[in-house]
């Protein structure tokens, strides 16, 4: 492919002395050095999952190779070692999120399980007929469906918060919808389909004035935005490890300590008990109360390695680089005839969802795959957000710290060729 005839690139921090260079991350990620259909891989599906650095891969292998054991329940050396790794992971997550204590972190399979945990544990005890759960139209299905299910059980109702034309949450409508009936607001810190980054701190403060709790879906935000749950004043904050260069099947839920103390078990089994008899069962303290069964121990070890790797970079420099790369990508894509990017919220992460006139999104993704370019196509588990634009599906390019402007050029060239082929 040749570089597209687009406007001159904006200055990228990675090209400046002292700025972040994506090559410093790319060298650690084996999957980025493979070929697909005879072309070097261009991975632009980071909102679905990120690729793993060798440090994570080696941590997983090392755990299974020399430290494999169950945790908390053994007196032998390997059990102690595995337990120390697991709890070190909990402490690392707490530091990363700005949580006051590791005891406020619950390990889960991912954001979806975290939201379901809150719905089942907190929701069943605190929701009732006539209560409102406010959910922006922006949300991923994982932050909609669990609330619909628990609302059906408790006779509460899920109230959608509308969007503006540019993909921002309508803050006037949000303020009008809040009331004494509002028990919970569930919102993402960044959208997986529009990239919109709502004013979570301000929305949380407003919800708290009405006595409502706030759950923040951080699945997309943690790899792109600084997170401080104390500053956000979130009651619940959830994220998935695989969106943050870690393994699949592991994630974390932060719960504000005073809220966590009131949660009841949502699953029963081993690890979450103190004592069991047929007459009476007593439970372990939180957070173990909410972690029934054998956890994804290796996943926590891998997540710890991912956090160590990710936080080794200058976060401000990475954010500046991603912002510049996204701006360049948006400018470069504007040169493709018939291409329209959805949403133009000023506060956003590195996600560009688009349509191309005359081409089905699945066909766009298939065409790009011929050139080794991986993008996502479909409804992105965010059908209400797409419906806001009158769409059922779209294509999505999502970027990470290891992506380059040259990869953006590859994307644009391939899309130009698709347009010319019609």
Protein backbone atom coordinates (compact mmCIF):
# COMPACT_ATOMS: atom_id res chain seq x y z
CA UNK A 1 0.00 0.00 0.00
CA UNK A 2 1.03 3.61 -0.51
CA UNK A 3 0.39 6.52 1.83
CA UNK A 4 -2.96 8.20 1.09
CA UNK A 5 -3.12 11.71 -0.25
CA UNK A 6 -4.43 13.32 2.92
CA UNK A 7 -3.64 16.52 4.77
CA UNK A 8 -0.32 16.74 6.54
CA UNK A 9 -0.27 14.83 9.81
CA UNK A 10 -0.78 16.72 13.04
CA UNK A 11 2.33 16.65 15.21
CA UNK A 12 2.39 13.43 17.20
CA UNK A 13 3.93 13.46 20.68
CA UNK A 14 5.67 10.18 19.88
CA UNK A 15 7.63 12.00 17.18
CA UNK A 16 8.82 14.68 19.60
CA UNK A 17 11.77 14.46 22.02
CA UNK A 18 10.48 13.20 25.36
CA UNK A 19 7.12 12.13 23.95
CA UNK A 20 5.68 8.64 24.00
CA UNK A 21 6.75 6.40 21.10
CA UNK A 22 4.42 3.49 20.25
CA UNK A 23 7.43 1.38 19.32
CA UNK A 24 8.31 1.19 23.01
CA UNK A 25 5.08 -0.74 23.54
CA UNK A 26 4.97 -2.62 20.22
CA UNK A 27 8.28 -4.38 20.88
CA UNK A 28 6.70 -6.19 23.84
CA UNK A 29 3.57 -7.46 22.05
CA UNK A 30 4.20 -10.64 20.01
CA UNK A 31 0.85 -10.69 18.19
CA UNK A 32 1.58 -7.35 16.55
CA UNK A 33 4.46 -8.92 14.65
CA UNK A 34 2.47 -11.61 12.83
CA UNK A 35 1.01 -11.48 9.34
CA UNK A 36 -2.62 -11.90 8.28
CA UNK A 37 -3.44 -12.81 4.70
CA UNK A 38 0.12 -12.01 3.71
CA UNK A 39 0.14 -8.54 5.29
CA UNK A 40 1.53 -7.28 8.60
CA UNK A 41 -1.27 -7.25 11.15
CA UNK A 42 -2.93 -3.88 11.77
CA UNK A 43 -4.92 -4.41 14.96
CA UNK A 44 -7.65 -1.77 15.21
CA UNK A 45 -10.06 -3.81 17.31
CA UNK A 46 -8.76 -2.73 20.70
CA UNK A 47 -12.19 -1.80 22.07
CA UNK A 48 -13.08 -5.49 21.75
CA UNK A 49 -9.81 -6.71 23.29
CA UNK A 50 -6.21 -5.60 23.52
CA UNK A 51 -3.18 -7.73 22.69
CA UNK A 52 -0.95 -8.96 25.46
CA UNK A 53 2.66 -8.02 26.12
CA UNK A 54 5.18 -10.80 26.66
CA UNK A 55 5.35 -9.83 30.34
CA UNK A 56 1.73 -10.95 30.76
CA UNK A 57 2.24 -14.11 28.73
CA UNK A 58 5.35 -14.99 30.75
CA UNK A 59 3.55 -14.30 34.05
CA UNK A 60 0.77 -16.73 33.11
CA UNK A 61 3.23 -19.38 32.03
CA UNK A 62 5.36 -18.85 35.12
CA UNK A 63 2.40 -19.20 37.45
CA UNK A 64 1.24 -22.45 35.93
CA UNK A 65 4.81 -23.71 35.62
CA UNK A 66 6.07 -23.19 39.16
CA UNK A 67 3.40 -21.67 41.42
CA UNK A 68 0.11 -23.40 40.55
CA UNK A 69 -1.96 -23.87 43.70
CA UNK A 70 -5.32 -22.97 45.13
CA UNK A 71 -5.34 -20.00 47.46
CA UNK A 72 -6.36 -19.04 51.00
CA UNK A 73 -7.06 -22.63 52.08
CA UNK A 74 -3.63 -24.28 52.11
CA UNK A 75 -0.84 -24.35 54.64
CA UNK A 76 1.89 -25.45 52.23
CA UNK A 77 4.48 -23.24 50.53
CA UNK A 78 2.89 -23.08 47.07
CA UNK A 79 -0.50 -22.20 48.52
CA UNK A 80 1.10 -19.32 50.40
CA UNK A 81 2.94 -18.18 47.28
CA UNK A 82 -0.21 -18.29 45.14
CA UNK A 83 -2.18 -16.44 47.81
CA UNK A 84 0.48 -13.74 47.98
CA UNK A 85 0.36 -13.28 44.19
CA UNK A 86 -3.44 -13.11 44.22
CA UNK A 87 -3.60 -10.55 46.99
CA UNK A 88 -0.75 -8.57 45.40
CA UNK A 89 -2.99 -8.34 42.35
CA UNK A 90 -5.82 -7.01 44.48
CA UNK A 91 -3.53 -4.38 45.98
CA UNK A 92 -2.29 -3.37 42.51
CA UNK A 93 -5.86 -2.92 41.25
CA UNK A 94 -6.66 -0.76 44.29
CA UNK A 95 -3.64 1.46 43.60
CA UNK A 96 -4.47 1.71 39.91
CA UNK A 97 -8.06 2.80 40.62
CA UNK A 98 -7.18 5.10 43.51
CA UNK A 99 -9.25 2.94 45.87
CA UNK A 100 -8.79 3.48 49.61
CA UNK A 101 -8.02 -0.17 50.36
CA UNK A 102 -7.50 -3.53 48.62
CA UNK A 103 -10.46 -4.75 50.68
CA UNK A 104 -12.73 -2.63 48.47
CA UNK A 105 -11.78 -4.68 45.36
CA UNK A 106 -13.78 -7.74 44.31
CA UNK A 107 -12.40 -9.99 41.58
CA UNK A 108 -14.87 -11.00 38.87
CA UNK A 109 -14.71 -12.44 35.35
CA UNK A 110 -15.11 -9.00 33.82
CA UNK A 111 -17.32 -5.93 33.63
CA UNK A 112 -20.39 -7.94 32.68
CA UNK A 113 -20.15 -10.12 35.78
CA UNK A 114 -19.44 -7.07 37.93
CA UNK A 115 -22.62 -5.32 36.80
CA UNK A 116 -24.64 -8.50 37.32
CA UNK A 117 -23.12 -8.86 40.80
CA UNK A 118 -24.25 -5.36 41.75
CA UNK A 119 -27.70 -5.92 40.25
CA UNK A 120 -28.20 -9.18 42.13
CA UNK A 121 -26.51 -8.32 45.44
CA UNK A 122 -27.24 -4.63 45.87
CA UNK A 123 -30.24 -4.40 43.56
CA UNK A 124 -32.33 -7.16 45.11
CA UNK A 125 -31.90 -5.62 48.56
CA UNK A 126 -32.44 -1.98 47.58
CA UNK A 127 -34.81 -1.82 44.60
CA UNK A 128 -38.57 -1.96 44.78
CA UNK A 129 -41.78 -0.95 42.99
CA UNK A 130 -41.63 2.59 41.62
CA UNK A 131 -37.86 2.94 41.89
CA UNK A 132 -35.93 4.32 38.91
CA UNK A 133 -32.65 3.10 37.43
CA UNK A 134 -31.25 5.73 35.06
CA UNK A 135 -29.25 4.32 32.14
CA UNK A 136 -27.97 6.51 29.27
CA UNK A 137 -28.76 5.41 25.72
CA UNK A 138 -24.98 5.38 25.25
CA UNK A 139 -24.51 2.21 27.28
CA UNK A 140 -23.20 -1.23 26.37
CA UNK A 141 -25.78 -4.01 26.64
CA UNK A 142 -23.92 -5.30 29.71
CA UNK A 143 -24.93 -2.11 31.51
CA UNK A 144 -28.53 -2.28 30.31
CA UNK A 145 -29.73 -5.88 30.38
CA UNK A 146 -28.80 -6.70 34.02
CA UNK A 147 -30.86 -3.70 35.12
CA UNK A 148 -33.80 -4.78 32.99
CA UNK A 149 -33.67 -8.23 34.58
CA UNK A 150 -33.53 -6.99 38.17
CA UNK A 151 -36.15 -4.31 37.44
CA UNK A 152 -38.51 -7.03 36.25
CA UNK A 153 -37.99 -8.93 39.51
CA UNK A 154 -38.30 -5.93 41.81
CA UNK A 155 -40.89 -3.97 39.78
CA UNK A 156 -38.50 -1.06 39.43
CA UNK A 157 -38.10 0.58 36.03
CA UNK A 158 -35.15 1.32 33.76
CA UNK A 159 -35.28 4.92 32.49
CA UNK A 160 -33.19 5.78 29.40
CA UNK A 161 -31.27 9.06 29.38
CA UNK A 162 -31.23 10.46 25.81
CA UNK A 163 -28.26 11.57 23.73
CA UNK A 164 -27.54 14.76 21.85
CA UNK A 165 -26.77 14.70 18.14
CA UNK A 166 -23.00 14.67 18.75
CA UNK A 167 -23.18 11.60 20.98
CA UNK A 168 -22.99 13.34 24.34
CA UNK A 169 -25.44 12.49 27.11
CA UNK A 170 -28.15 15.15 27.31
CA UNK A 171 -27.27 16.66 30.67
CA UNK A 172 -30.46 18.74 30.87
CA UNK A 173 -32.57 15.63 30.34
CA UNK A 174 -30.46 13.77 32.90
CA UNK A 175 -31.03 16.46 35.51
CA UNK A 176 -34.77 16.45 34.78
CA UNK A 177 -35.00 12.65 35.08
CA UNK A 178 -33.31 12.53 38.49
CA UNK A 179 -35.77 12.47 41.36
CA UNK A 180 -36.40 11.02 44.80
CA UNK A 181 -37.40 7.81 42.98
CA UNK A 182 -33.91 7.42 41.48
CA UNK A 183 -32.06 4.62 43.26
CA UNK A 184 -29.21 4.05 40.82
CA UNK A 185 -27.48 5.67 37.87
CA UNK A 186 -25.50 3.26 35.64
CA UNK A 187 -23.16 4.93 33.16
CA UNK A 188 -19.91 4.31 31.32
CA UNK A 189 -16.84 6.46 31.74
CA UNK A 190 -16.28 6.03 27.99
CA UNK A 191 -18.48 4.60 25.24
CA UNK A 192 -17.38 1.54 23.30
CA UNK A 193 -19.24 2.65 20.17
CA UNK A 194 -19.02 6.46 20.06
CA UNK A 195 -15.93 7.03 22.20
CA UNK A 196 -17.85 9.62 24.22
CA UNK A 197 -16.40 10.30 27.67
CA UNK A 198 -19.23 11.74 29.80
CA UNK A 199 -18.67 14.09 32.75
CA UNK A 200 -18.90 11.21 35.22
CA UNK A 201 -17.73 13.15 38.26
CA UNK A 202 -20.36 15.86 37.78
CA UNK A 203 -23.11 13.33 36.98
CA UNK A 204 -22.22 11.33 40.08
CA UNK A 205 -22.33 14.40 42.32
CA UNK A 206 -25.77 15.30 40.97
CA UNK A 207 -27.09 11.76 41.48
CA UNK A 208 -25.83 11.75 45.07
CA UNK A 209 -27.88 14.85 45.81
CA UNK A 210 -30.95 12.66 45.29
CA UNK A 211 -29.55 9.84 47.39
CA UNK A 212 -28.92 7.62 44.36
CA UNK A 213 -25.97 5.26 43.99
CA UNK A 214 -23.77 5.40 40.87
CA UNK A 215 -22.21 2.47 39.02
CA UNK A 216 -19.49 3.37 36.52
CA UNK A 217 -18.63 0.98 33.69
CA UNK A 218 -14.92 1.57 33.18
CA UNK A 219 -14.31 -1.19 30.62
CA UNK A 220 -13.30 1.21 27.85
CA UNK A 221 -11.91 3.98 30.03
CA UNK A 222 -9.17 2.23 32.00
CA UNK A 223 -6.78 1.92 29.05
CA UNK A 224 -7.23 5.54 27.95
CA UNK A 225 -8.26 7.81 30.82
CA UNK A 226 -6.91 8.42 34.31
CA UNK A 227 -9.13 6.72 36.87
CA UNK A 228 -9.50 7.78 40.50
CA UNK A 229 -12.60 6.25 42.05
CA UNK A 230 -12.20 8.42 45.13
CA UNK A 231 -12.23 11.59 43.05
CA UNK A 232 -15.13 10.31 40.94
CA UNK A 233 -16.92 9.40 44.18
CA UNK A 234 -18.30 6.32 42.41
CA UNK A 235 -20.20 3.80 44.52
CA UNK A 236 -19.27 1.02 42.11
CA UNK A 237 -16.59 0.91 39.39
CA UNK A 238 -16.04 -2.08 37.09
CA UNK A 239 -13.49 -3.01 34.44
CA UNK A 240 -12.25 -6.00 32.44
CA UNK A 241 -8.61 -7.08 32.37
CA UNK A 242 -8.58 -8.02 28.69
CA UNK A 243 -9.29 -4.41 27.68
CA UNK A 244 -6.18 -3.41 29.65
CA UNK A 245 -3.59 -5.72 28.07
CA UNK A 246 -4.38 -8.48 30.58
CA UNK A 247 -5.95 -11.94 30.28
CA UNK A 248 -9.54 -12.67 29.41
CA UNK A 249 -11.85 -13.92 32.14
CA UNK A 250 -10.60 -11.58 34.87
CA UNK A 251 -11.83 -8.18 35.96
CA UNK A 252 -12.43 -6.17 39.08
CA UNK A 253 -15.24 -4.36 40.83
CA UNK A 254 -14.54 -1.52 43.23
CA UNK A 255 -17.22 -0.90 45.82
CA UNK A 256 -17.23 2.09 48.15
CA UNK A 257 -16.44 0.65 51.62
CA UNK A 258 -19.66 1.76 53.30
CA UNK A 259 -21.70 0.27 50.43
CA UNK A 260 -19.63 -2.92 50.33
CA UNK A 261 -20.32 -3.56 54.01
CA UNK A 262 -24.03 -3.87 53.25
CA UNK A 263 -23.81 -6.26 50.30
CA UNK A 264 -25.10 -9.79 50.67
CA UNK A 265 -23.87 -12.94 48.90
CA UNK A 266 -24.96 -13.38 45.33
CA UNK A 267 -23.44 -16.83 44.89
CA UNK A 268 -22.78 -19.53 47.45
CA UNK A 269 -19.95 -22.03 47.68
CA UNK A 270 -16.37 -22.31 48.82
CA UNK A 271 -14.09 -19.44 49.73
CA UNK A 272 -16.95 -17.12 50.70
CA UNK A 273 -17.84 -18.91 53.95
CA UNK A 274 -16.65 -18.82 57.53
CA UNK A 275 -18.42 -21.98 58.73
CA UNK A 276 -21.11 -24.28 57.36
CA UNK A 277 -23.54 -26.63 59.03
CA UNK A 278 -27.03 -27.72 58.13
CA UNK A 279 -28.29 -25.58 60.97
CA UNK A 280 -26.39 -22.37 60.25
CA UNK A 281 -23.87 -20.93 57.81
CA UNK A 282 -21.75 -17.88 58.51
CA UNK A 283 -19.88 -15.97 55.82
CA UNK A 284 -16.40 -14.63 55.25
CA UNK A 285 -15.89 -10.85 55.38
CA UNK A 286 -15.97 -8.77 52.23
CA UNK A 287 -14.53 -8.85 49.62
CA UNK A 288 -14.25 -12.66 49.93
CA UNK A 289 -17.99 -12.83 50.66
CA UNK A 290 -18.56 -12.01 46.98
CA UNK A 291 -15.92 -14.37 45.52
CA UNK A 292 -17.49 -17.82 45.71
CA UNK A 293 -15.44 -20.76 44.44
CA UNK A 294 -11.95 -20.92 43.05
CA UNK A 295 -11.15 -17.64 41.36
CA UNK A 296 -9.19 -17.07 38.17
CA UNK A 297 -5.89 -17.09 40.04
CA UNK A 298 -3.72 -17.10 36.93
CA UNK A 299 -5.87 -14.29 35.55
CA UNK A 300 -5.08 -12.14 38.59
CA UNK A 301 -1.38 -12.91 38.17
CA UNK A 302 -1.63 -11.87 34.52
CA UNK A 303 -3.61 -8.74 35.41
CA UNK A 304 -0.92 -7.77 37.90
CA UNK A 305 1.71 -8.10 35.16
CA UNK A 306 -0.47 -6.06 32.77
CA UNK A 307 -0.85 -3.26 35.31
CA UNK A 308 2.90 -3.25 35.95
CA UNK A 309 3.57 -3.05 32.20
CA UNK A 310 0.95 -0.41 31.46
CA UNK A 311 1.86 1.87 34.34
CA UNK A 312 5.54 1.73 33.36
CA UNK A 313 4.71 4.25 30.62
CA UNK A 314 4.14 7.94 31.26
CA UNK A 315 0.34 8.02 31.37
CA UNK A 316 0.06 11.69 30.42
CA UNK A 317 2.35 11.16 27.41
CA UNK A 318 0.37 8.08 26.33
CA UNK A 319 -2.91 9.98 26.56
CA UNK A 320 -1.48 12.89 24.55
CA UNK A 321 -0.21 10.45 21.91
CA UNK A 322 -3.55 8.64 21.63
CA UNK A 323 -5.43 11.93 21.38
CA UNK A 324 -3.15 13.09 18.56
CA UNK A 325 -3.39 9.74 16.78
CA UNK A 326 -7.18 9.81 16.99
CA UNK A 327 -7.27 13.37 15.65
CA UNK A 328 -5.06 12.32 12.75
CA UNK A 329 -7.22 9.26 12.05
CA UNK A 330 -10.38 11.35 12.04
CA UNK A 331 -8.77 13.84 9.65
CA UNK A 332 -7.42 11.06 7.39
CA UNK A 333 -10.74 9.19 7.26
CA UNK A 334 -12.48 12.40 6.18
CA UNK A 335 -10.70 12.00 2.83
CA UNK A 336 -12.57 8.76 2.08
CA UNK A 337 -15.64 9.57 -0.06
CA UNK A 338 -18.90 8.54 1.56
CA UNK A 339 -17.38 7.78 4.96
CA UNK A 340 -19.12 9.21 8.01
CA UNK A 341 -17.81 8.95 11.58
CA UNK A 342 -20.52 8.69 14.25
CA UNK A 343 -20.43 11.18 17.08
CA UNK A 344 -18.32 14.26 17.59
CA UNK A 345 -18.29 14.72 21.35
CA UNK A 346 -15.28 16.86 22.30
CA UNK A 347 -14.37 14.60 25.24
CA UNK A 348 -13.69 11.14 23.85
CA UNK A 349 -11.36 8.16 23.72
CA UNK A 350 -9.65 6.56 20.72
CA UNK A 351 -12.73 4.95 19.14
CA UNK A 352 -14.00 5.85 15.66
CA UNK A 353 -17.18 4.12 14.51
CA UNK A 354 -18.13 4.79 10.92
CA UNK A 355 -20.31 3.97 7.94
CA UNK A 356 -19.30 3.94 4.28
CA UNK A 357 -22.04 4.72 1.78
CA UNK A 358 -23.04 1.74 -0.33
CA UNK A 359 -21.16 -0.80 1.80
CA UNK A 360 -22.42 -3.11 4.53
CA UNK A 361 -20.30 -2.88 7.70
CA UNK A 362 -19.58 -6.62 7.65
CA UNK A 363 -18.39 -6.31 4.04
CA UNK A 364 -16.13 -3.40 5.06
CA UNK A 365 -14.54 -5.49 7.78
CA UNK A 366 -14.09 -8.42 5.43
CA UNK A 367 -12.44 -6.22 2.81
CA UNK A 368 -10.05 -4.73 5.35
CA UNK A 369 -9.18 -8.19 6.65
CA UNK A 370 -7.82 -9.07 3.21
CA UNK A 371 -5.19 -6.41 3.86
CA UNK A 372 -4.47 -7.65 7.38
CA UNK A 373 -6.49 -4.85 9.02
CA UNK A 374 -8.72 -5.92 11.91
CA UNK A 375 -11.75 -3.76 12.71
CA UNK A 376 -15.06 -4.64 14.32
CA UNK A 377 -18.40 -4.63 12.49
CA UNK A 378 -21.93 -5.06 13.84
CA UNK A 379 -23.99 -3.49 16.58
CA UNK A 380 -21.09 -3.51 19.08
CA UNK A 381 -23.44 -4.58 21.90
CA UNK A 382 -24.74 -1.02 21.90
CA UNK A 383 -27.90 -1.18 19.79
CA UNK A 384 -29.69 1.77 21.45
CA UNK A 385 -26.70 4.04 20.75
CA UNK A 386 -26.64 3.04 17.07
CA UNK A 387 -30.42 3.40 16.85
CA UNK A 388 -29.93 7.02 17.93
CA UNK A 389 -28.31 7.48 14.49
CA UNK A 390 -30.90 5.35 12.69
CA UNK A 391 -28.46 2.46 12.28
CA UNK A 392 -28.43 -1.24 13.09
CA UNK A 393 -24.72 -1.77 12.43
CA UNK A 394 -21.49 0.11 11.74
CA UNK A 395 -17.76 -0.50 11.42
CA UNK A 396 -15.41 0.49 14.23
CA UNK A 397 -11.69 1.25 14.35
CA UNK A 398 -10.35 1.51 17.89
CA UNK A 399 -6.81 2.44 18.81
CA UNK A 400 -4.35 1.65 21.58
CA UNK A 401 -0.98 2.95 22.69
CA UNK A 402 0.82 0.57 20.29
CA UNK A 403 -0.94 1.79 17.14
CA UNK A 404 0.85 4.09 14.68
CA UNK A 405 -0.03 6.77 12.13
CA UNK A 406 1.31 4.42 9.45
CA UNK A 407 -1.40 1.93 10.43
CA UNK A 408 -3.99 4.69 10.05
CA UNK A 409 -2.62 5.26 6.54
CA UNK A 410 -3.03 1.55 5.78
CA UNK A 411 -6.66 1.73 6.90
CA UNK A 412 -7.38 4.78 4.75
CA UNK A 413 -5.71 3.31 1.65
CA UNK A 414 -7.73 0.11 1.94
CA UNK A 415 -10.98 2.03 2.39
CA UNK A 416 -10.11 4.21 -0.63
CA UNK A 417 -9.62 1.06 -2.68
CA UNK A 418 -12.96 -0.32 -1.46
CA UNK A 419 -14.67 2.90 -2.52
CA UNK A 420 -12.98 2.77 -5.93
CA UNK A 421 -14.04 -0.85 -6.44
CA UNK A 422 -17.74 -0.06 -6.23
